[in-house]
């Protein structure tokens, strides 16, 4: 039975910042995406944990992924509207373009490094760039 509205209940396996791409890192565990080729299964919301006020979640804490197909994410460089997005080394959105690029998000608006933009989760675009 398909459940396309399902949001996985994940626990952080390391530090994850707000508005960052998240990848699967183990059974029901998530980590901040950190490289081209990391398949992002979601984006953290903008909340920070009550213990340090910096990270969205630290190891062992619950991860809150944004529940809709339209998400907010922090840019790691200049992004133009319509660009396929992938993770940089810090889980931020950058334009996909390398040979190992995978993307499941497209920018709905442009932005510069450090800005929060809206993106749309559309499915999966595999390593097809060269």
N, C-alpha and C. Protein backbone atom coordinates (compact mmCIF):
# COMPACT_ATOMS: atom_id res chain seq x y z
N UNK A 1 0.83 -1.17 0.00
CA UNK A 1 0.00 0.00 0.00
C UNK A 1 0.88 1.24 0.00
N UNK A 2 0.66 2.13 -0.94
CA UNK A 2 1.46 3.34 -1.04
C UNK A 2 0.98 4.39 -0.04
N UNK A 3 1.90 5.12 0.54
CA UNK A 3 1.57 6.21 1.45
C UNK A 3 2.46 7.39 1.09
N UNK A 4 2.04 8.16 0.10
CA UNK A 4 2.87 9.24 -0.40
C UNK A 4 2.92 10.44 0.54
N UNK A 5 2.03 10.48 1.54
CA UNK A 5 2.04 11.58 2.50
C UNK A 5 2.83 11.25 3.76
N UNK A 6 3.45 10.08 3.80
CA UNK A 6 4.19 9.62 4.97
C UNK A 6 5.46 10.43 5.17
N UNK A 7 5.69 10.87 6.40
CA UNK A 7 6.94 11.54 6.77
C UNK A 7 7.65 10.62 7.74
N UNK A 8 8.87 10.18 7.41
CA UNK A 8 9.56 9.23 8.29
C UNK A 8 9.87 9.82 9.65
N UNK A 9 9.77 8.98 10.66
CA UNK A 9 10.08 9.34 12.03
C UNK A 9 11.55 8.98 12.26
N UNK A 10 12.44 9.96 12.10
CA UNK A 10 13.88 9.70 12.15
C UNK A 10 14.52 10.30 13.39
N UNK A 11 15.60 9.65 13.83
CA UNK A 11 16.42 10.14 14.93
C UNK A 11 17.77 10.55 14.33
N UNK A 12 18.30 11.67 14.79
CA UNK A 12 19.57 12.18 14.27
C UNK A 12 20.74 11.29 14.67
N UNK A 13 21.63 11.02 13.71
CA UNK A 13 22.85 10.27 14.01
C UNK A 13 24.05 11.21 14.13
N UNK A 14 23.79 12.50 14.12
CA UNK A 14 24.82 13.53 14.26
C UNK A 14 24.13 14.89 14.29
N UNK A 15 24.91 15.94 14.32
CA UNK A 15 24.35 17.29 14.37
C UNK A 15 23.74 17.68 13.03
N UNK A 16 22.53 18.25 13.08
CA UNK A 16 21.83 18.70 11.88
C UNK A 16 21.33 20.12 12.14
N UNK A 17 21.61 21.03 11.23
CA UNK A 17 21.18 22.41 11.35
C UNK A 17 19.79 22.61 10.76
N UNK A 18 19.14 23.73 11.08
CA UNK A 18 17.83 24.02 10.49
C UNK A 18 17.94 24.27 8.99
N UNK A 19 16.86 23.99 8.27
CA UNK A 19 16.74 24.24 6.83
C UNK A 19 17.82 23.53 6.01
N UNK A 20 18.15 22.28 6.37
CA UNK A 20 19.19 21.52 5.67
C UNK A 20 18.64 20.21 5.11
N UNK A 21 19.28 19.74 4.04
CA UNK A 21 18.95 18.45 3.47
C UNK A 21 19.30 17.35 4.47
N UNK A 22 18.45 16.31 4.52
CA UNK A 22 18.68 15.15 5.39
C UNK A 22 18.72 13.90 4.53
N UNK A 23 19.65 13.00 4.85
CA UNK A 23 19.75 11.70 4.17
C UNK A 23 19.57 10.60 5.21
N UNK A 24 19.27 9.40 4.75
CA UNK A 24 19.17 8.25 5.63
C UNK A 24 20.59 7.82 6.01
N UNK A 25 20.82 7.57 7.31
CA UNK A 25 22.15 7.16 7.76
C UNK A 25 22.14 5.81 8.47
N UNK A 26 20.97 5.22 8.64
CA UNK A 26 20.83 3.93 9.30
C UNK A 26 19.35 3.64 9.45
N UNK A 27 19.02 2.57 10.15
CA UNK A 27 17.63 2.20 10.36
C UNK A 27 16.92 3.29 11.16
N UNK A 28 16.00 3.98 10.51
CA UNK A 28 15.23 5.08 11.11
C UNK A 28 16.13 6.16 11.68
N UNK A 29 17.29 6.35 11.07
CA UNK A 29 18.21 7.42 11.45
C UNK A 29 18.45 8.33 10.26
N UNK A 30 18.69 9.60 10.56
CA UNK A 30 18.99 10.56 9.52
C UNK A 30 20.21 11.38 9.88
N UNK A 31 20.89 11.86 8.86
CA UNK A 31 22.07 12.71 9.03
C UNK A 31 21.96 13.87 8.06
N UNK A 32 22.66 14.93 8.37
CA UNK A 32 22.71 16.05 7.45
C UNK A 32 23.44 15.61 6.19
N UNK A 33 22.82 15.82 5.03
CA UNK A 33 23.49 15.48 3.78
C UNK A 33 24.78 16.29 3.71
N UNK A 34 25.82 15.71 3.10
CA UNK A 34 27.13 16.37 3.16
C UNK A 34 27.94 16.25 1.88
N UNK A 35 27.33 15.82 0.78
CA UNK A 35 28.13 15.65 -0.43
C UNK A 35 27.24 15.51 -1.65
N UNK A 36 27.82 15.83 -2.81
CA UNK A 36 27.16 15.54 -4.07
C UNK A 36 26.91 14.03 -4.10
N UNK A 37 25.75 13.64 -4.51
CA UNK A 37 25.41 12.23 -4.56
C UNK A 37 24.65 11.74 -3.34
N UNK A 38 24.58 12.55 -2.27
CA UNK A 38 23.75 12.20 -1.12
C UNK A 38 22.29 12.42 -1.52
N UNK A 39 21.48 11.39 -1.45
CA UNK A 39 20.08 11.50 -1.81
C UNK A 39 19.29 12.06 -0.64
N UNK A 40 18.79 13.28 -0.78
CA UNK A 40 18.03 13.94 0.29
C UNK A 40 16.61 13.39 0.33
N UNK A 41 16.21 12.91 1.50
CA UNK A 41 14.86 12.39 1.67
C UNK A 41 13.95 13.44 2.30
N UNK A 42 14.51 14.56 2.71
CA UNK A 42 13.72 15.63 3.30
C UNK A 42 14.58 16.81 3.67
N UNK A 43 13.92 17.83 4.23
CA UNK A 43 14.59 19.05 4.66
C UNK A 43 14.10 19.37 6.07
N UNK A 44 15.03 19.66 6.98
CA UNK A 44 14.65 20.01 8.35
C UNK A 44 13.86 21.30 8.36
N UNK A 45 13.00 21.43 9.39
CA UNK A 45 12.29 22.70 9.53
C UNK A 45 13.22 23.72 10.19
N UNK A 46 12.72 24.88 10.49
CA UNK A 46 13.56 25.96 11.01
C UNK A 46 13.75 25.97 12.51
N UNK A 47 13.24 24.95 13.20
CA UNK A 47 13.36 24.94 14.65
C UNK A 47 14.77 24.58 15.10
N UNK A 48 15.11 25.03 16.31
CA UNK A 48 16.38 24.65 16.94
C UNK A 48 16.06 23.93 18.25
N UNK A 49 16.98 23.04 18.66
CA UNK A 49 16.71 22.29 19.90
C UNK A 49 16.87 23.19 21.11
N UNK A 50 16.20 22.80 22.17
CA UNK A 50 16.17 23.63 23.38
C UNK A 50 17.45 23.54 24.20
N UNK A 51 18.35 22.62 23.85
CA UNK A 51 19.53 22.42 24.68
C UNK A 51 20.68 23.37 24.34
N UNK A 52 20.87 23.65 23.04
CA UNK A 52 21.96 24.56 22.69
C UNK A 52 21.49 25.73 21.84
N UNK A 53 20.28 25.66 21.31
CA UNK A 53 19.73 26.77 20.53
C UNK A 53 20.40 27.01 19.20
N UNK A 54 21.25 26.08 18.74
CA UNK A 54 21.95 26.24 17.47
C UNK A 54 21.50 25.20 16.45
N UNK A 55 21.56 23.94 16.82
CA UNK A 55 21.23 22.86 15.89
C UNK A 55 19.74 22.53 15.93
N UNK A 56 19.26 22.03 14.82
CA UNK A 56 17.89 21.53 14.75
C UNK A 56 17.79 20.28 15.61
N UNK A 57 18.77 19.39 15.47
CA UNK A 57 18.84 18.16 16.25
C UNK A 57 20.30 17.74 16.40
N UNK A 58 20.60 17.12 17.52
CA UNK A 58 21.92 16.51 17.73
C UNK A 58 21.70 15.01 17.86
N UNK A 59 22.77 14.25 17.87
CA UNK A 59 22.69 12.79 17.90
C UNK A 59 21.72 12.30 18.97
N UNK A 60 20.78 11.45 18.53
CA UNK A 60 19.80 10.86 19.44
C UNK A 60 18.50 11.63 19.54
N UNK A 61 18.44 12.83 18.98
CA UNK A 61 17.22 13.62 19.04
C UNK A 61 16.36 13.40 17.80
N UNK A 62 15.07 13.67 17.96
CA UNK A 62 14.10 13.57 16.88
C UNK A 62 14.36 14.63 15.81
N UNK A 63 14.22 14.24 14.54
CA UNK A 63 14.34 15.16 13.41
C UNK A 63 12.94 15.53 12.95
N UNK A 64 12.70 16.81 12.74
CA UNK A 64 11.42 17.27 12.20
C UNK A 64 11.64 17.71 10.76
N UNK A 65 11.14 16.89 9.82
CA UNK A 65 11.22 17.24 8.41
C UNK A 65 10.00 18.07 8.03
N UNK A 66 10.18 18.99 7.08
CA UNK A 66 9.06 19.77 6.59
C UNK A 66 8.07 18.83 5.90
N UNK A 67 6.77 18.94 6.22
CA UNK A 67 5.81 17.93 5.80
C UNK A 67 5.21 18.11 4.40
N UNK A 68 5.55 19.15 3.69
CA UNK A 68 4.93 19.36 2.38
C UNK A 68 5.97 19.23 1.26
N UNK A 69 5.50 19.23 0.03
CA UNK A 69 6.41 19.17 -1.11
C UNK A 69 7.11 20.50 -1.37
N UNK A 70 6.55 21.58 -0.87
CA UNK A 70 7.21 22.88 -0.96
C UNK A 70 7.92 23.12 0.36
N UNK A 71 9.24 23.29 0.30
CA UNK A 71 10.05 23.42 1.51
C UNK A 71 10.87 24.70 1.46
N UNK A 72 11.37 25.08 2.62
CA UNK A 72 12.33 26.17 2.72
C UNK A 72 13.69 25.54 3.02
N UNK A 73 14.72 26.04 2.33
CA UNK A 73 16.07 25.51 2.52
C UNK A 73 17.09 26.63 2.38
N UNK A 74 18.20 26.50 3.11
CA UNK A 74 19.26 27.51 3.06
C UNK A 74 20.16 27.25 1.86
N UNK A 75 20.52 28.32 1.15
CA UNK A 75 21.42 28.23 0.00
C UNK A 75 22.88 28.16 0.45
N UNK A 76 23.66 27.36 -0.24
CA UNK A 76 25.09 27.27 0.02
C UNK A 76 25.89 28.02 -1.02
N UNK A 77 25.22 28.63 -1.96
CA UNK A 77 25.83 29.41 -3.04
C UNK A 77 24.70 30.07 -3.81
N UNK A 78 25.04 30.75 -4.89
CA UNK A 78 24.00 31.36 -5.70
C UNK A 78 23.17 30.30 -6.40
N UNK A 79 21.86 30.43 -6.31
CA UNK A 79 20.92 29.49 -6.92
C UNK A 79 19.93 30.31 -7.75
N UNK A 80 19.60 29.82 -8.93
CA UNK A 80 18.60 30.49 -9.76
C UNK A 80 17.30 29.69 -9.76
N UNK A 81 16.21 30.38 -9.96
CA UNK A 81 14.90 29.72 -10.03
C UNK A 81 14.93 28.68 -11.15
N UNK A 82 14.40 27.51 -10.88
CA UNK A 82 14.37 26.43 -11.87
C UNK A 82 15.56 25.50 -11.83
N UNK A 83 16.56 25.80 -11.00
CA UNK A 83 17.75 24.94 -10.91
C UNK A 83 17.43 23.68 -10.11
N UNK A 84 17.94 22.54 -10.58
CA UNK A 84 17.89 21.32 -9.78
C UNK A 84 18.84 21.52 -8.61
N UNK A 85 18.45 21.06 -7.43
CA UNK A 85 19.24 21.29 -6.23
C UNK A 85 19.84 20.00 -5.68
N UNK A 86 21.03 20.13 -5.13
CA UNK A 86 21.69 19.04 -4.41
C UNK A 86 22.34 19.64 -3.18
N UNK A 87 22.91 18.79 -2.35
CA UNK A 87 23.53 19.22 -1.10
C UNK A 87 24.99 19.61 -1.31
N UNK A 88 25.40 20.66 -0.59
CA UNK A 88 26.84 20.93 -0.50
C UNK A 88 27.37 20.18 0.72
N UNK A 89 28.58 20.45 1.15
CA UNK A 89 29.21 19.74 2.27
C UNK A 89 28.53 20.03 3.61
N UNK A 90 27.67 21.06 3.65
CA UNK A 90 27.01 21.45 4.89
C UNK A 90 25.50 21.23 4.87
N UNK A 91 25.00 20.49 3.89
CA UNK A 91 23.57 20.22 3.80
C UNK A 91 22.77 21.35 3.18
N UNK A 92 23.45 22.39 2.71
CA UNK A 92 22.78 23.53 2.09
C UNK A 92 22.53 23.25 0.61
N UNK A 93 21.56 23.97 0.05
CA UNK A 93 21.19 23.78 -1.36
C UNK A 93 22.14 24.52 -2.29
N UNK A 94 22.63 23.78 -3.29
CA UNK A 94 23.42 24.35 -4.38
C UNK A 94 22.89 23.78 -5.69
N UNK A 95 23.17 24.46 -6.78
CA UNK A 95 22.73 23.97 -8.09
C UNK A 95 23.43 22.66 -8.41
N UNK A 96 22.65 21.65 -8.80
CA UNK A 96 23.20 20.34 -9.15
C UNK A 96 23.92 20.45 -10.48
N UNK A 97 25.03 19.75 -10.61
CA UNK A 97 25.73 19.84 -11.87
C UNK A 97 26.89 18.91 -12.05
N UNK A 98 27.33 18.23 -11.01
CA UNK A 98 28.46 17.33 -11.12
C UNK A 98 28.06 15.98 -11.68
N UNK A 99 29.04 15.16 -11.99
CA UNK A 99 28.79 13.84 -12.58
C UNK A 99 28.01 12.92 -11.63
N UNK A 100 28.16 13.12 -10.31
CA UNK A 100 27.48 12.27 -9.34
C UNK A 100 26.21 12.92 -8.78
N UNK A 101 25.78 14.03 -9.36
CA UNK A 101 24.65 14.79 -8.82
C UNK A 101 23.36 13.97 -8.82
N UNK A 102 22.66 14.01 -7.70
CA UNK A 102 21.31 13.47 -7.61
C UNK A 102 20.44 14.59 -7.04
N UNK A 103 19.22 14.65 -7.50
CA UNK A 103 18.36 15.73 -7.05
C UNK A 103 16.92 15.26 -6.96
N UNK A 104 16.22 15.73 -5.96
CA UNK A 104 14.79 15.51 -5.86
C UNK A 104 14.08 16.83 -5.55
N UNK A 105 14.81 17.93 -5.71
CA UNK A 105 14.27 19.25 -5.44
C UNK A 105 14.63 20.21 -6.57
N UNK A 106 13.74 21.18 -6.82
CA UNK A 106 13.98 22.21 -7.80
C UNK A 106 13.68 23.56 -7.14
N UNK A 107 14.53 24.55 -7.40
CA UNK A 107 14.37 25.88 -6.79
C UNK A 107 13.16 26.58 -7.39
N UNK A 108 12.28 27.09 -6.52
CA UNK A 108 11.14 27.87 -6.97
C UNK A 108 11.48 29.35 -7.09
N UNK A 109 12.60 29.73 -6.50
CA UNK A 109 13.07 31.12 -6.55
C UNK A 109 14.58 31.11 -6.42
N UNK A 110 15.19 32.20 -6.79
CA UNK A 110 16.63 32.31 -6.69
C UNK A 110 17.05 32.83 -5.32
N UNK A 111 18.33 32.66 -5.01
CA UNK A 111 18.85 33.17 -3.75
C UNK A 111 20.37 33.10 -3.73
N UNK A 112 20.94 33.80 -2.77
CA UNK A 112 22.40 33.84 -2.60
C UNK A 112 22.77 33.01 -1.37
N UNK A 113 24.05 32.74 -1.22
CA UNK A 113 24.54 31.96 -0.09
C UNK A 113 24.02 32.53 1.23
N UNK A 114 23.47 31.64 2.06
CA UNK A 114 22.95 32.04 3.37
C UNK A 114 21.48 32.41 3.37
N UNK A 115 20.89 32.63 2.20
CA UNK A 115 19.47 32.97 2.14
C UNK A 115 18.61 31.71 2.19
N UNK A 116 17.42 31.86 2.72
CA UNK A 116 16.43 30.78 2.75
C UNK A 116 15.52 30.95 1.54
N UNK A 117 15.44 29.91 0.71
CA UNK A 117 14.58 29.96 -0.48
C UNK A 117 13.55 28.84 -0.40
N UNK A 118 12.56 28.92 -1.27
CA UNK A 118 11.58 27.84 -1.38
C UNK A 118 11.97 26.93 -2.54
N UNK A 119 11.76 25.65 -2.32
CA UNK A 119 12.05 24.63 -3.32
C UNK A 119 10.91 23.63 -3.34
N UNK A 120 10.81 22.90 -4.44
CA UNK A 120 9.75 21.90 -4.60
C UNK A 120 10.35 20.52 -4.72
N UNK A 121 9.83 19.58 -3.93
CA UNK A 121 10.26 18.17 -4.00
C UNK A 121 9.45 17.51 -5.10
N UNK A 122 10.13 17.01 -6.15
CA UNK A 122 9.42 16.49 -7.31
C UNK A 122 9.60 15.01 -7.53
N UNK A 123 10.48 14.37 -6.87
CA UNK A 123 10.76 12.95 -7.10
C UNK A 123 12.26 12.73 -7.10
N UNK A 124 12.78 12.19 -8.16
CA UNK A 124 14.19 11.85 -8.19
C UNK A 124 14.77 12.07 -9.57
N UNK A 125 15.90 12.74 -9.63
CA UNK A 125 16.67 12.89 -10.86
C UNK A 125 18.04 12.32 -10.56
N UNK A 126 18.36 11.22 -11.17
CA UNK A 126 19.60 10.49 -10.88
C UNK A 126 20.83 11.14 -11.46
N UNK A 127 21.97 10.48 -11.32
CA UNK A 127 23.24 11.02 -11.81
C UNK A 127 23.27 11.03 -13.34
N UNK A 128 22.73 12.09 -13.91
CA UNK A 128 22.66 12.19 -15.36
C UNK A 128 23.43 13.39 -15.89
N UNK A 129 24.03 14.17 -14.99
CA UNK A 129 24.78 15.35 -15.42
C UNK A 129 26.18 14.93 -15.84
N UNK A 130 26.76 15.68 -16.75
CA UNK A 130 28.14 15.40 -17.13
C UNK A 130 28.90 16.68 -17.36
